[in-house]
Amino acid sequence: MIALNNPTTQQYYYFFNWEVCEPQCESRRSEVKIITDDCKNINNLDDLILFPNPNQGSFTLRIPKNKSGKLKIINMLGQTLQEAKFSAIVEKVFVDATDLSKGVYNLWIEIDGNTVVKKFIVTGK
């Protein structure tokens, strides 16, 4: 089974406690969220990146932001070995298919009715 880990975001919290002249002017503390993503501007399926490749059965997909879709792992005989749905807030979807044997596989990805196939190599554990 494909295990998907969709990292949401990295979050950093900064708290400021400003004091202006006298204690009655002290500002209240409030939480400020800053969301970061090392965006590569993945806009369509042609820009999709699978890395690392070769790998040991776990890899990351860089896909367009805020997209969802389906993926399948297909062996060289054309047999579908695993299927999963994904939804990505950021451009990363982590795929854990470490139960795959050494070999060459195709990853079929469908987003918004469009598909792309990426070849990847599993080198073993």
PDB file of N, CA and C in Angstrom:
ATOM      1  N   MET A   1       0.838  -1.181   0.000  1.00  0.00           N
ATOM      2  CA  MET A   1       0.000   0.000   0.000  1.00  0.00           C
ATOM      3  C   MET A   1       0.879   1.239   0.000  1.00  0.00           C
ATOM      4  N   ILE A   2       0.487   2.214  -0.761  1.00  0.00           N
ATOM      5  CA  ILE A   2       1.209   3.474  -0.813  1.00  0.00           C
ATOM      6  C   ILE A   2       0.841   4.285   0.422  1.00  0.00           C
ATOM      7  N   ALA A   3       1.821   4.742   1.129  1.00  0.00           N
ATOM      8  CA  ALA A   3       1.575   5.628   2.263  1.00  0.00           C
ATOM      9  C   ALA A   3       1.919   7.038   1.809  1.00  0.00           C
ATOM     10  N   LEU A   4       0.975   7.940   1.911  1.00  0.00           N
ATOM     11  CA  LEU A   4       1.197   9.314   1.501  1.00  0.00           C
ATOM     12  C   LEU A   4       1.311  10.183   2.726  1.00  0.00           C
ATOM     13  N   ASN A   5       2.292  11.037   2.736  1.00  0.00           N
ATOM     14  CA  ASN A   5       2.460  12.004   3.799  1.00  0.00           C
ATOM     15  C   ASN A   5       2.463  13.363   3.131  1.00  0.00           C
ATOM     16  N   ASN A   6       1.387  14.080   3.259  1.00  0.00           N
ATOM     17  CA  ASN A   6       1.296  15.397   2.642  1.00  0.00           C
ATOM     18  C   ASN A   6       1.731  16.439   3.661  1.00  0.00           C
ATOM     19  N   PRO A   7       2.980  16.909   3.548  1.00  0.00           N
ATOM     20  CA  PRO A   7       3.409  17.917   4.495  1.00  0.00           C
ATOM     21  C   PRO A   7       2.573  19.162   4.282  1.00  0.00           C
ATOM     22  N   THR A   8       2.030  19.674   5.343  1.00  0.00           N
ATOM     23  CA  THR A   8       1.214  20.863   5.181  1.00  0.00           C
ATOM     24  C   THR A   8       2.115  22.062   4.956  1.00  0.00           C
ATOM     25  N   THR A   9       2.800  22.486   5.959  1.00  0.00           N
ATOM     26  CA  THR A   9       3.692  23.629   5.819  1.00  0.00           C
ATOM     27  C   THR A   9       4.666  23.632   6.970  1.00  0.00           C
ATOM     28  N   GLN A  10       5.694  24.439   6.830  1.00  0.00           N
ATOM     29  CA  GLN A  10       6.561  24.717   7.953  1.00  0.00           C
ATOM     30  C   GLN A  10       6.014  25.986   8.584  1.00  0.00           C
ATOM     31  N   GLN A  11       5.891  26.000   9.898  1.00  0.00           N
ATOM     32  CA  GLN A  11       5.345  27.174  10.544  1.00  0.00           C
ATOM     33  C   GLN A  11       6.335  27.714  11.562  1.00  0.00           C
ATOM     34  N   TYR A  12       6.461  29.006  11.579  1.00  0.00           N
ATOM     35  CA  TYR A  12       7.312  29.686  12.540  1.00  0.00           C
ATOM     36  C   TYR A  12       6.440  30.666  13.300  1.00  0.00           C
ATOM     37  N   TYR A  13       6.654  30.768  14.586  1.00  0.00           N
ATOM     38  CA  TYR A  13       5.868  31.657  15.415  1.00  0.00           C
ATOM     39  C   TYR A  13       6.775  32.731  16.002  1.00  0.00           C
ATOM     40  N   TYR A  14       6.348  33.976  15.890  1.00  0.00           N
ATOM     41  CA  TYR A  14       7.078  35.084  16.463  1.00  0.00           C
ATOM     42  C   TYR A  14       6.105  35.849  17.357  1.00  0.00           C
ATOM     43  N   PHE A  15       6.551  36.185  18.552  1.00  0.00           N
ATOM     44  CA  PHE A  15       5.731  36.949  19.465  1.00  0.00           C
ATOM     45  C   PHE A  15       6.475  38.236  19.821  1.00  0.00           C
ATOM     46  N   PHE A  16       5.777  39.333  19.744  1.00  0.00           N
ATOM     47  CA  PHE A  16       6.378  40.614  20.040  1.00  0.00           C
ATOM     48  C   PHE A  16       5.660  41.222  21.235  1.00  0.00           C
ATOM     49  N   ASN A  17       6.421  41.787  22.103  1.00  0.00           N
ATOM     50  CA  ASN A  17       5.868  42.472  23.257  1.00  0.00           C
ATOM     51  C   ASN A  17       6.465  43.877  23.262  1.00  0.00           C
ATOM     52  N   TRP A  18       5.787  44.783  22.591  1.00  0.00           N
ATOM     53  CA  TRP A  18       6.287  46.136  22.468  1.00  0.00           C
ATOM     54  C   TRP A  18       5.941  46.939  23.705  1.00  0.00           C
ATOM     55  N   GLU A  19       6.853  47.774  24.092  1.00  0.00           N
ATOM     56  CA  GLU A  19       6.574  48.670  25.206  1.00  0.00           C
ATOM     57  C   GLU A  19       6.914  50.073  24.747  1.00  0.00           C
ATOM     58  N   VAL A  20       5.950  50.966  24.874  1.00  0.00           N
ATOM     59  CA  VAL A  20       6.155  52.341  24.438  1.00  0.00           C
ATOM     60  C   VAL A  20       6.038  53.234  25.658  1.00  0.00           C
ATOM     61  N   CYS A  21       7.124  53.792  26.071  1.00  0.00           N
ATOM     62  CA  CYS A  21       7.220  54.761  27.169  1.00  0.00           C
ATOM     63  C   CYS A  21       6.666  54.267  28.500  1.00  0.00           C
ATOM     64  N   GLU A  22       5.372  54.161  28.612  1.00  0.00           N
ATOM     65  CA  GLU A  22       4.772  53.847  29.902  1.00  0.00           C
ATOM     66  C   GLU A  22       4.046  52.503  29.842  1.00  0.00           C
ATOM     67  N   PRO A  23       3.913  51.814  30.982  1.00  0.00           N
ATOM     68  CA  PRO A  23       3.285  50.491  31.003  1.00  0.00           C
ATOM     69  C   PRO A  23       1.877  50.452  30.413  1.00  0.00           C
ATOM     70  N   GLN A  24       1.078  51.507  30.541  1.00  0.00           N
ATOM     71  CA  GLN A  24      -0.276  51.469  29.997  1.00  0.00           C
ATOM     72  C   GLN A  24      -0.290  51.461  28.471  1.00  0.00           C
ATOM     73  N   CYS A  25       0.839  51.741  27.840  1.00  0.00           N
ATOM     74  CA  CYS A  25       0.920  51.723  26.379  1.00  0.00           C
ATOM     75  C   CYS A  25       1.439  50.388  25.832  1.00  0.00           C
ATOM     76  N   GLU A  26       1.688  49.445  26.694  1.00  0.00           N
ATOM     77  CA  GLU A  26       2.213  48.157  26.245  1.00  0.00           C
ATOM     78  C   GLU A  26       1.195  47.458  25.340  1.00  0.00           C
ATOM     79  N   SER A  27       1.677  46.951  24.249  1.00  0.00           N
ATOM     80  CA  SER A  27       0.771  46.284  23.322  1.00  0.00           C
ATOM     81  C   SER A  27       0.504  44.853  23.783  1.00  0.00           C
ATOM     82  N   ARG A  28      -0.643  44.346  23.349  1.00  0.00           N
ATOM     83  CA  ARG A  28      -0.983  42.954  23.656  1.00  0.00           C
ATOM     84  C   ARG A  28      -0.183  42.043  22.749  1.00  0.00           C
ATOM     85  N   ARG A  29       0.062  40.844  23.229  1.00  0.00           N
ATOM     86  CA  ARG A  29       0.731  39.848  22.410  1.00  0.00           C
ATOM     87  C   ARG A  29      -0.300  39.196  21.505  1.00  0.00           C
ATOM     88  N   SER A  30       0.102  38.960  20.296  1.00  0.00           N
ATOM     89  CA  SER A  30      -0.773  38.234  19.378  1.00  0.00           C
ATOM     90  C   SER A  30       0.086  37.313  18.514  1.00  0.00           C
ATOM     91  N   GLU A  31      -0.502  36.208  18.137  1.00  0.00           N
ATOM     92  CA  GLU A  31       0.191  35.202  17.343  1.00  0.00           C
ATOM     93  C   GLU A  31       0.224  35.630  15.888  1.00  0.00           C
ATOM     94  N   VAL A  32       1.388  35.469  15.266  1.00  0.00           N
ATOM     95  CA  VAL A  32       1.554  35.760  13.849  1.00  0.00           C
ATOM     96  C   VAL A  32       2.069  34.488  13.204  1.00  0.00           C
ATOM     97  N   LYS A  33       1.350  33.958  12.202  1.00  0.00           N
ATOM     98  CA  LYS A  33       1.786  32.757  11.501  1.00  0.00           C
ATOM     99  C   LYS A  33       2.413  33.152  10.175  1.00  0.00           C
ATOM    100  N   ILE A  34       3.584  32.582   9.934  1.00  0.00           N
ATOM    101  CA  ILE A  34       4.260  32.783   8.659  1.00  0.00           C
ATOM    102  C   ILE A  34       4.421  31.403   8.042  1.00  0.00           C
ATOM    103  N   ILE A  35       3.866  31.210   6.869  1.00  0.00           N
ATOM    104  CA  ILE A  35       3.914  29.918   6.197  1.00  0.00           C
ATOM    105  C   ILE A  35       4.940  29.996   5.088  1.00  0.00           C
ATOM    106  N   THR A  36       5.867  29.034   5.083  1.00  0.00           N
ATOM    107  CA  THR A  36       6.905  29.029   4.065  1.00  0.00           C
ATOM    108  C   THR A  36       6.807  27.779   3.209  1.00  0.00           C
ATOM    109  N   ASP A  37       7.247  27.895   1.986  1.00  0.00           N
ATOM    110  CA  ASP A  37       7.328  26.764   1.073  1.00  0.00           C
ATOM    111  C   ASP A  37       8.422  27.102   0.075  1.00  0.00           C
ATOM    112  N   ASP A  38       9.349  26.182  -0.113  1.00  0.00           N
ATOM    113  CA  ASP A  38      10.418  26.436  -1.068  1.00  0.00           C
ATOM    114  C   ASP A  38       9.896  26.160  -2.481  1.00  0.00           C
ATOM    115  N   CYS A  39       8.987  27.004  -2.882  1.00  0.00           N
ATOM    116  CA  CYS A  39       8.219  26.865  -4.119  1.00  0.00           C
ATOM    117  C   CYS A  39       9.110  26.840  -5.351  1.00  0.00           C
ATOM    118  N   LYS A  40       8.830  25.924  -6.237  1.00  0.00           N
ATOM    119  CA  LYS A  40       9.554  25.816  -7.504  1.00  0.00           C
ATOM    120  C   LYS A  40       8.650  26.200  -8.668  1.00  0.00           C
ATOM    121  N   ASN A  41       7.502  26.775  -8.377  1.00  0.00           N
ATOM    122  CA  ASN A  41       6.557  27.193  -9.402  1.00  0.00           C
ATOM    123  C   ASN A  41       6.149  26.050 -10.322  1.00  0.00           C
ATOM    124  N   ILE A  42       5.679  24.970  -9.713  1.00  0.00           N
ATOM    125  CA  ILE A  42       5.159  23.844 -10.467  1.00  0.00           C
ATOM    126  C   ILE A  42       3.747  24.240 -10.889  1.00  0.00           C
ATOM    127  N   ASN A  43       3.551  24.521 -12.159  1.00  0.00           N
ATOM    128  CA  ASN A  43       2.266  25.014 -12.638  1.00  0.00           C
ATOM    129  C   ASN A  43       1.436  23.977 -13.364  1.00  0.00           C
ATOM    130  N   ASN A  44       2.074  22.968 -13.941  1.00  0.00           N
ATOM    131  CA  ASN A  44       1.316  21.956 -14.658  1.00  0.00           C
ATOM    132  C   ASN A  44       2.045  20.622 -14.571  1.00  0.00           C
ATOM    133  N   LEU A  45       1.451  19.597 -15.124  1.00  0.00           N
ATOM    134  CA  LEU A  45       2.026  18.258 -15.016  1.00  0.00           C
ATOM    135  C   LEU A  45       3.357  18.120 -15.738  1.00  0.00           C
ATOM    136  N   ASP A  46       3.602  18.929 -16.737  1.00  0.00           N
ATOM    137  CA  ASP A  46       4.891  18.857 -17.429  1.00  0.00           C
ATOM    138  C   ASP A  46       6.041  19.248 -16.510  1.00  0.00           C
ATOM    139  N   ASP A  47       5.752  20.038 -15.476  1.00  0.00           N
ATOM    140  CA  ASP A  47       6.777  20.485 -14.532  1.00  0.00           C
ATOM    141  C   ASP A  47       6.954  19.525 -13.357  1.00  0.00           C
ATOM    142  N   LEU A  48       6.128  18.492 -13.276  1.00  0.00           N
ATOM    143  CA  LEU A  48       6.162  17.568 -12.145  1.00  0.00           C
ATOM    144  C   LEU A  48       7.547  16.942 -11.987  1.00  0.00           C
ATOM    145  N   ILE A  49       8.010  16.847 -10.742  1.00  0.00           N
ATOM    146  CA  ILE A  49       9.336  16.298 -10.442  1.00  0.00           C
ATOM    147  C   ILE A  49       9.182  15.157  -9.445  1.00  0.00           C
ATOM    148  N   LEU A  50       9.873  14.056  -9.690  1.00  0.00           N
ATOM    149  CA  LEU A  50       9.927  12.913  -8.780  1.00  0.00           C
ATOM    150  C   LEU A  50      11.380  12.793  -8.329  1.00  0.00           C
ATOM    151  N   PHE A  51      11.617  12.882  -7.013  1.00  0.00           N
ATOM    152  CA  PHE A  51      12.991  12.777  -6.517  1.00  0.00           C
ATOM    153  C   PHE A  51      13.015  12.152  -5.136  1.00  0.00           C
ATOM    154  N   PRO A  52      14.082  11.497  -4.710  1.00  0.00           N
ATOM    155  CA  PRO A  52      15.231  11.147  -5.528  1.00  0.00           C
ATOM    156  C   PRO A  52      14.885   9.997  -6.463  1.00  0.00           C
ATOM    157  N   ASN A  53      15.638   9.866  -7.484  1.00  0.00           N
ATOM    158  CA  ASN A  53      15.451   8.779  -8.433  1.00  0.00           C
ATOM    159  C   ASN A  53      16.815   8.421  -9.005  1.00  0.00           C
ATOM    160  N   PRO A  54      17.322   7.238  -8.717  1.00  0.00           N
ATOM    161  CA  PRO A  54      16.721   6.081  -8.050  1.00  0.00           C
ATOM    162  C   PRO A  54      16.527   6.333  -6.553  1.00  0.00           C
ATOM    163  N   ASN A  55      15.700   5.451  -5.958  1.00  0.00           N
ATOM    164  CA  ASN A  55      15.376   5.569  -4.542  1.00  0.00           C
ATOM    165  C   ASN A  55      15.205   4.179  -3.937  1.00  0.00           C
ATOM    166  N   GLN A  56      14.813   4.135  -2.673  1.00  0.00           N
ATOM    167  CA  GLN A  56      14.599   2.859  -1.991  1.00  0.00           C
ATOM    168  C   GLN A  56      13.116   2.579  -1.776  1.00  0.00           C
ATOM    169  N   GLY A  57      12.285   3.183  -2.578  1.00  0.00           N
ATOM    170  CA  GLY A  57      10.847   2.981  -2.491  1.00  0.00           C
ATOM    171  C   GLY A  57      10.113   4.143  -1.858  1.00  0.00           C
ATOM    172  N   SER A  58      10.845   5.135  -1.389  1.00  0.00           N
ATOM    173  CA  SER A  58      10.196   6.339  -0.878  1.00  0.00           C
ATOM    174  C   SER A  58      10.776   7.537  -1.624  1.00  0.00           C
ATOM    175  N   PHE A  59       9.876   8.428  -2.006  1.00  0.00           N
ATOM    176  CA  PHE A  59      10.292   9.582  -2.792  1.00  0.00           C
ATOM    177  C   PHE A  59       9.287  10.704  -2.623  1.00  0.00           C
ATOM    178  N   THR A  60       9.642  11.855  -3.156  1.00  0.00           N
ATOM    179  CA  THR A  60       8.798  13.040  -3.071  1.00  0.00           C
ATOM    180  C   THR A  60       8.372  13.444  -4.471  1.00  0.00           C
ATOM    181  N   LEU A  61       7.122  13.858  -4.582  1.00  0.00           N
ATOM    182  CA  LEU A  61       6.608  14.426  -5.834  1.00  0.00           C
ATOM    183  C   LEU A  61       6.427  15.921  -5.640  1.00  0.00           C
ATOM    184  N   ARG A  62       6.907  16.689  -6.583  1.00  0.00           N
ATOM    185  CA  ARG A  62       6.619  18.125  -6.593  1.00  0.00           C
ATOM    186  C   ARG A  62       5.504  18.310  -7.610  1.00  0.00           C
ATOM    187  N   ILE A  63       4.362  18.755  -7.140  1.00  0.00           N
ATOM    188  CA  ILE A  63       3.183  18.898  -7.986  1.00  0.00           C
ATOM    189  C   ILE A  63       2.633  20.313  -7.868  1.00  0.00           C
ATOM    190  N   PRO A  64       1.726  20.712  -8.752  1.00  0.00           N
ATOM    191  CA  PRO A  64       1.124  22.042  -8.617  1.00  0.00           C
ATOM    192  C   PRO A  64       0.429  22.205  -7.270  1.00  0.00           C
ATOM    193  N   LYS A  65       0.533  23.401  -6.691  1.00  0.00           N
ATOM    194  CA  LYS A  65      -0.082  23.708  -5.396  1.00  0.00           C
ATOM    195  C   LYS A  65      -1.588  23.531  -5.433  1.00  0.00           C
ATOM    196  N   ASN A  66      -2.118  23.152  -4.267  1.00  0.00           N
ATOM    197  CA  ASN A  66      -3.563  23.047  -4.046  1.00  0.00           C
ATOM    198  C   ASN A  66      -4.261  22.126  -5.042  1.00  0.00           C
ATOM    199  N   LYS A  67      -3.594  21.083  -5.441  1.00  0.00           N
ATOM    200  CA  LYS A  67      -4.173  20.126  -6.379  1.00  0.00           C
ATOM    201  C   LYS A  67      -4.393  18.786  -5.683  1.00  0.00           C
ATOM    202  N   SER A  68      -5.336  18.049  -6.187  1.00  0.00           N
ATOM    203  CA  SER A  68      -5.563  16.686  -5.714  1.00  0.00           C
ATOM    204  C   SER A  68      -5.689  15.796  -6.946  1.00  0.00           C
ATOM    205  N   GLY A  69      -5.476  14.519  -6.718  1.00  0.00           N
ATOM    206  CA  GLY A  69      -5.546  13.603  -7.838  1.00  0.00           C
ATOM    207  C   GLY A  69      -5.316  12.173  -7.404  1.00  0.00           C
ATOM    208  N   LYS A  70      -4.952  11.346  -8.365  1.00  0.00           N
ATOM    209  CA  LYS A  70      -4.716   9.927  -8.118  1.00  0.00           C
ATOM    210  C   LYS A  70      -3.338   9.566  -8.624  1.00  0.00           C
ATOM    211  N   LEU A  71      -2.755   8.551  -7.996  1.00  0.00           N
ATOM    212  CA  LEU A  71      -1.517   8.015  -8.518  1.00  0.00           C
ATOM    213  C   LEU A  71      -1.549   6.503  -8.448  1.00  0.00           C
ATOM    214  N   LYS A  72      -0.820   5.884  -9.375  1.00  0.00           N
ATOM    215  CA  LYS A  72      -0.708   4.427  -9.439  1.00  0.00           C
ATOM    216  C   LYS A  72       0.748   4.071  -9.674  1.00  0.00           C
ATOM    217  N   ILE A  73       1.182   2.994  -9.037  1.00  0.00           N
ATOM    218  CA  ILE A  73       2.493   2.434  -9.314  1.00  0.00           C
ATOM    219  C   ILE A  73       2.264   1.209 -10.185  1.00  0.00           C
ATOM    220  N   ILE A  74       2.916   1.211 -11.346  1.00  0.00           N
ATOM    221  CA  ILE A  74       2.715   0.165 -12.343  1.00  0.00           C
ATOM    222  C   ILE A  74       4.064  -0.481 -12.655  1.00  0.00           C
ATOM    223  N   ASN A  75       4.102  -1.823 -12.666  1.00  0.00           N
ATOM    224  CA  ASN A  75       5.358  -2.505 -12.980  1.00  0.00           C
ATOM    225  C   ASN A  75       5.567  -2.540 -14.491  1.00  0.00           C
ATOM    226  N   MET A  76       6.680  -3.107 -14.932  1.00  0.00           N
ATOM    227  CA  MET A  76       7.012  -3.122 -16.350  1.00  0.00           C
ATOM    228  C   MET A  76       6.143  -4.086 -17.155  1.00  0.00           C
ATOM    229  N   LEU A  77       5.345  -4.917 -16.479  1.00  0.00           N
ATOM    230  CA  LEU A  77       4.402  -5.790 -17.169  1.00  0.00           C
ATOM    231  C   LEU A  77       3.050  -5.106 -17.363  1.00  0.00           C
ATOM    232  N   GLY A  78       2.945  -3.858 -16.864  1.00  0.00           N
ATOM    233  CA  GLY A  78       1.699  -3.115 -16.989  1.00  0.00           C
ATOM    234  C   GLY A  78       0.700  -3.392 -15.883  1.00  0.00           C
ATOM    235  N   GLN A  79       1.123  -4.104 -14.849  1.00  0.00           N
ATOM    236  CA  GLN A  79       0.233  -4.428 -13.736  1.00  0.00           C
ATOM    237  C   GLN A  79       0.239  -3.295 -12.719  1.00  0.00           C
ATOM    238  N   THR A  80      -0.954  -2.883 -12.299  1.00  0.00           N
ATOM    239  CA  THR A  80      -1.057  -1.870 -11.257  1.00  0.00           C
ATOM    240  C   THR A  80      -0.799  -2.541  -9.923  1.00  0.00           C
ATOM    241  N   LEU A  81       0.226  -2.082  -9.231  1.00  0.00           N
ATOM    242  CA  LEU A  81       0.603  -2.664  -7.946  1.00  0.00           C
ATOM    243  C   LEU A  81      -0.019  -1.927  -6.769  1.00  0.00           C
ATOM    244  N   GLN A  82      -0.104  -0.611  -6.881  1.00  0.00           N
ATOM    245  CA  GLN A  82      -0.633   0.202  -5.787  1.00  0.00           C
ATOM    246  C   GLN A  82      -1.338   1.415  -6.362  1.00  0.00           C
ATOM    247  N   GLU A  83      -2.361   1.877  -5.636  1.00  0.00           N
ATOM    248  CA  GLU A  83      -3.102   3.076  -6.030  1.00  0.00           C
ATOM    249  C   GLU A  83      -3.360   3.919  -4.798  1.00  0.00           C
ATOM    250  N   ALA A  84      -3.444   5.213  -4.988  1.00  0.00           N
ATOM    251  CA  ALA A  84      -3.763   6.109  -3.870  1.00  0.00           C
ATOM    252  C   ALA A  84      -4.287   7.428  -4.418  1.00  0.00           C
ATOM    253  N   LYS A  85      -5.030   8.140  -3.598  1.00  0.00           N
ATOM    254  CA  LYS A  85      -5.467   9.502  -3.906  1.00  0.00           C
ATOM    255  C   LYS A  85      -4.619  10.440  -3.066  1.00  0.00           C
ATOM    256  N   PHE A  86      -4.393  11.634  -3.559  1.00  0.00           N
ATOM    257  CA  PHE A  86      -3.624  12.614  -2.804  1.00  0.00           C
ATOM    258  C   PHE A  86      -4.264  13.979  -2.915  1.00  0.00           C
ATOM    259  N   SER A  87      -3.918  14.825  -1.968  1.00  0.00           N
ATOM    260  CA  SER A  87      -4.318  16.212  -1.967  1.00  0.00           C
ATOM    261  C   SER A  87      -3.146  16.987  -1.380  1.00  0.00           C
ATOM    262  N   ALA A  88      -2.694  17.984  -2.078  1.00  0.00           N
ATOM    263  CA  ALA A  88      -1.503  18.706  -1.644  1.00  0.00           C
ATOM    264  C   ALA A  88      -1.790  20.182  -1.466  1.00  0.00           C
ATOM    265  N   ILE A  89      -1.584  20.676  -0.265  1.00  0.00           N
ATOM    266  CA  ILE A  89      -1.725  22.107   0.000  1.00  0.00           C
ATOM    267  C   ILE A  89      -0.493  22.831  -0.528  1.00  0.00           C
ATOM    268  N   VAL A  90       0.669  22.238  -0.262  1.00  0.00           N
ATOM    269  CA  VAL A  90       1.913  22.774  -0.809  1.00  0.00           C
ATOM    270  C   VAL A  90       2.308  21.894  -1.979  1.00  0.00           C
ATOM    271  N   GLU A  91       3.425  22.151  -2.567  1.00  0.00           N
ATOM    272  CA  GLU A  91       3.824  21.447  -3.783  1.00  0.00           C
ATOM    273  C   GLU A  91       4.434  20.080  -3.550  1.00  0.00           C
ATOM    274  N   LYS A  92       4.368  19.546  -2.347  1.00  0.00           N
ATOM    275  CA  LYS A  92       5.042  18.278  -2.064  1.00  0.00           C
ATOM    276  C   LYS A  92       4.065  17.188  -1.641  1.00  0.00           C
ATOM    277  N   VAL A  93       4.263  16.004  -2.201  1.00  0.00           N
ATOM    278  CA  VAL A  93       3.560  14.805  -1.754  1.00  0.00           C
ATOM    279  C   VAL A  93       4.637  13.747  -1.540  1.00  0.00           C
ATOM    280  N   PHE A  94       4.720  13.221  -0.330  1.00  0.00           N
ATOM    281  CA  PHE A  94       5.701  12.180  -0.024  1.00  0.00           C
ATOM    282  C   PHE A  94       5.047  10.824  -0.245  1.00  0.00           C
ATOM    283  N   VAL A  95       5.709   9.954  -0.999  1.00  0.00           N
ATOM    284  CA  VAL A  95       5.199   8.621  -1.304  1.00  0.00           C
ATOM    285  C   VAL A  95       6.106   7.594  -0.641  1.00  0.00           C
ATOM    286  N   ASP A  96       5.515   6.726   0.170  1.00  0.00           N
ATOM    287  CA  ASP A  96       6.256   5.642   0.810  1.00  0.00           C
ATOM    288  C   ASP A  96       5.739   4.325   0.254  1.00  0.00           C
ATOM    289  N   ALA A  97       6.526   3.728  -0.630  1.00  0.00           N
ATOM    290  CA  ALA A  97       6.196   2.429  -1.222  1.00  0.00           C
ATOM    291  C   ALA A  97       7.390   1.504  -1.016  1.00  0.00           C
ATOM    292  N   THR A  98       7.877   1.474   0.226  1.00  0.00           N
ATOM    293  CA  THR A  98       9.090   0.722   0.533  1.00  0.00           C
ATOM    294  C   THR A  98       8.894  -0.783   0.466  1.00  0.00           C
ATOM    295  N   ASP A  99       7.673  -1.240   0.268  1.00  0.00           N
ATOM    296  CA  ASP A  99       7.443  -2.675   0.122  1.00  0.00           C
ATOM    297  C   ASP A  99       7.712  -3.154  -1.310  1.00  0.00           C
ATOM    298  N   LEU A 100       8.063  -2.253  -2.214  1.00  0.00           N
ATOM    299  CA  LEU A 100       8.381  -2.642  -3.585  1.00  0.00           C
ATOM    300  C   LEU A 100       9.740  -3.339  -3.648  1.00  0.00           C
ATOM    301  N   SER A 101       9.847  -4.319  -4.531  1.00  0.00           N
ATOM    302  CA  SER A 101      11.123  -4.996  -4.775  1.00  0.00           C
ATOM    303  C   SER A 101      11.997  -4.129  -5.666  1.00  0.00           C
ATOM    304  N   LYS A 102      13.280  -4.471  -5.740  1.00  0.00           N
ATOM    305  CA  LYS A 102      14.175  -3.771  -6.661  1.00  0.00           C
ATOM    306  C   LYS A 102      13.604  -3.854  -8.061  1.00  0.00           C
ATOM    307  N   GLY A 103      13.710  -2.771  -8.799  1.00  0.00           N
ATOM    308  CA  GLY A 103      13.231  -2.804 -10.172  1.00  0.00           C
ATOM    309  C   GLY A 103      12.883  -1.434 -10.706  1.00  0.00           C
ATOM    310  N   VAL A 104      12.344  -1.445 -11.911  1.00  0.00           N
ATOM    311  CA  VAL A 104      11.932  -0.225 -12.597  1.00  0.00           C
ATOM    312  C   VAL A 104      10.411  -0.191 -12.601  1.00  0.00           C
ATOM    313  N   TYR A 105       9.846   0.969 -12.266  1.00  0.00           N
ATOM    314  CA  TYR A 105       8.396   1.132 -12.165  1.00  0.00           C
ATOM    315  C   TYR A 105       7.979   2.419 -12.864  1.00  0.00           C
ATOM    316  N   ASN A 106       6.715   2.484 -13.200  1.00  0.00           N
ATOM    317  CA  ASN A 106       6.122   3.717 -13.701  1.00  0.00           C
ATOM    318  C   ASN A 106       5.170   4.254 -12.651  1.00  0.00           C
ATOM    319  N   LEU A 107       5.212   5.556 -12.459  1.00  0.00           N
ATOM    320  CA  LEU A 107       4.269   6.229 -11.574  1.00  0.00           C
ATOM    321  C   LEU A 107       3.317   7.009 -12.468  1.00  0.00           C
ATOM    322  N   TRP A 108       2.052   6.620 -12.436  1.00  0.00           N
ATOM    323  CA  TRP A 108       0.998   7.254 -13.223  1.00  0.00           C
ATOM    324  C   TRP A 108       0.318   8.269 -12.314  1.00  0.00           C
ATOM    325  N   ILE A 109       0.270   9.528 -12.728  1.00  0.00           N
ATOM    326  CA  ILE A 109      -0.326  10.597 -11.923  1.00  0.00           C
ATOM    327  C   ILE A 109      -1.426  11.262 -12.729  1.00  0.00           C
ATOM    328  N   GLU A 110      -2.590  11.411 -12.108  1.00  0.00           N
ATOM    329  CA  GLU A 110      -3.703  12.113 -12.756  1.00  0.00           C
ATOM    330  C   GLU A 110      -4.117  13.287 -11.890  1.00  0.00           C
ATOM    331  N   ILE A 111      -4.175  14.468 -12.517  1.00  0.00           N
ATOM    332  CA  ILE A 111      -4.642  15.681 -11.849  1.00  0.00           C
ATOM    333  C   ILE A 111      -5.562  16.399 -12.834  1.00  0.00           C
ATOM    334  N   ASP A 112      -6.762  16.715 -12.392  1.00  0.00           N
ATOM    335  CA  ASP A 112      -7.737  17.454 -13.220  1.00  0.00           C
ATOM    336  C   ASP A 112      -7.964  16.802 -14.580  1.00  0.00           C
ATOM    337  N   GLY A 113      -8.008  15.478 -14.626  1.00  0.00           N
ATOM    338  CA  GLY A 113      -8.275  14.768 -15.862  1.00  0.00           C
ATOM    339  C   GLY A 113      -7.076  14.629 -16.793  1.00  0.00           C
ATOM    340  N   ASN A 114      -5.949  15.217 -16.427  1.00  0.00           N
ATOM    341  CA  ASN A 114      -4.725  15.104 -17.215  1.00  0.00           C
ATOM    342  C   ASN A 114      -3.796  14.103 -16.543  1.00  0.00           C
ATOM    343  N   THR A 115      -3.050  13.351 -17.339  1.00  0.00           N
ATOM    344  CA  THR A 115      -2.158  12.353 -16.766  1.00  0.00           C
ATOM    345  C   THR A 115      -0.729  12.529 -17.268  1.00  0.00           C
ATOM    346  N   VAL A 116       0.190  12.059 -16.452  1.00  0.00           N
ATOM    347  CA  VAL A 116       1.595  12.010 -16.812  1.00  0.00           C
ATOM    348  C   VAL A 116       2.155  10.738 -16.178  1.00  0.00           C
ATOM    349  N   VAL A 117       3.146  10.142 -16.834  1.00  0.00           N
ATOM    350  CA  VAL A 117       3.790   8.938 -16.312  1.00  0.00           C
ATOM    351  C   VAL A 117       5.264   9.236 -16.116  1.00  0.00           C
ATOM    352  N   LYS A 118       5.765   8.932 -14.919  1.00  0.00           N
ATOM    353  CA  LYS A 118       7.178   9.125 -14.603  1.00  0.00           C
ATOM    354  C   LYS A 118       7.778   7.764 -14.270  1.00  0.00           C
ATOM    355  N   LYS A 119       8.933   7.495 -14.801  1.00  0.00           N
ATOM    356  CA  LYS A 119       9.635   6.243 -14.520  1.00  0.00           C
ATOM    357  C   LYS A 119      10.522   6.440 -13.293  1.00  0.00           C
ATOM    358  N   PHE A 120      10.558   5.445 -12.400  1.00  0.00           N
ATOM    359  CA  PHE A 120      11.471   5.511 -11.272  1.00  0.00           C
ATOM    360  C   PHE A 120      12.066   4.135 -11.003  1.00  0.00           C
ATOM    361  N   ILE A 121      13.203   4.153 -10.318  1.00  0.00           N
ATOM    362  CA  ILE A 121      13.951   2.924 -10.049  1.00  0.00           C
ATOM    363  C   ILE A 121      14.049   2.724  -8.547  1.00  0.00           C
ATOM    364  N   VAL A 122      13.702   1.517  -8.100  1.00  0.00           N
ATOM    365  CA  VAL A 122      13.876   1.141  -6.697  1.00  0.00           C
ATOM    366  C   VAL A 122      15.141   0.296  -6.626  1.00  0.00           C
ATOM    367  N   THR A 123      16.095   0.751  -5.809  1.00  0.00           N
ATOM    368  CA  THR A 123      17.397   0.070  -5.709  1.00  0.00           C
ATOM    369  C   THR A 123      17.429  -0.958  -4.591  1.00  0.00           C
ATOM    370  N   GLY A 124      16.408  -1.042  -3.803  1.00  0.00           N
ATOM    371  CA  GLY A 124      16.370  -1.990  -2.686  1.00  0.00           C
ATOM    372  C   GLY A 124      16.603  -1.283  -1.375  1.00  0.00           C
ATOM    373  N   LYS A 125      16.566  -2.070  -0.327  1.00  0.00           N
ATOM    374  CA  LYS A 125      16.669  -1.506   1.020  1.00  0.00           C
ATOM    375  C   LYS A 125      18.081  -1.496   1.527  1.00  0.00           C
TER     376      LYS A 125
END
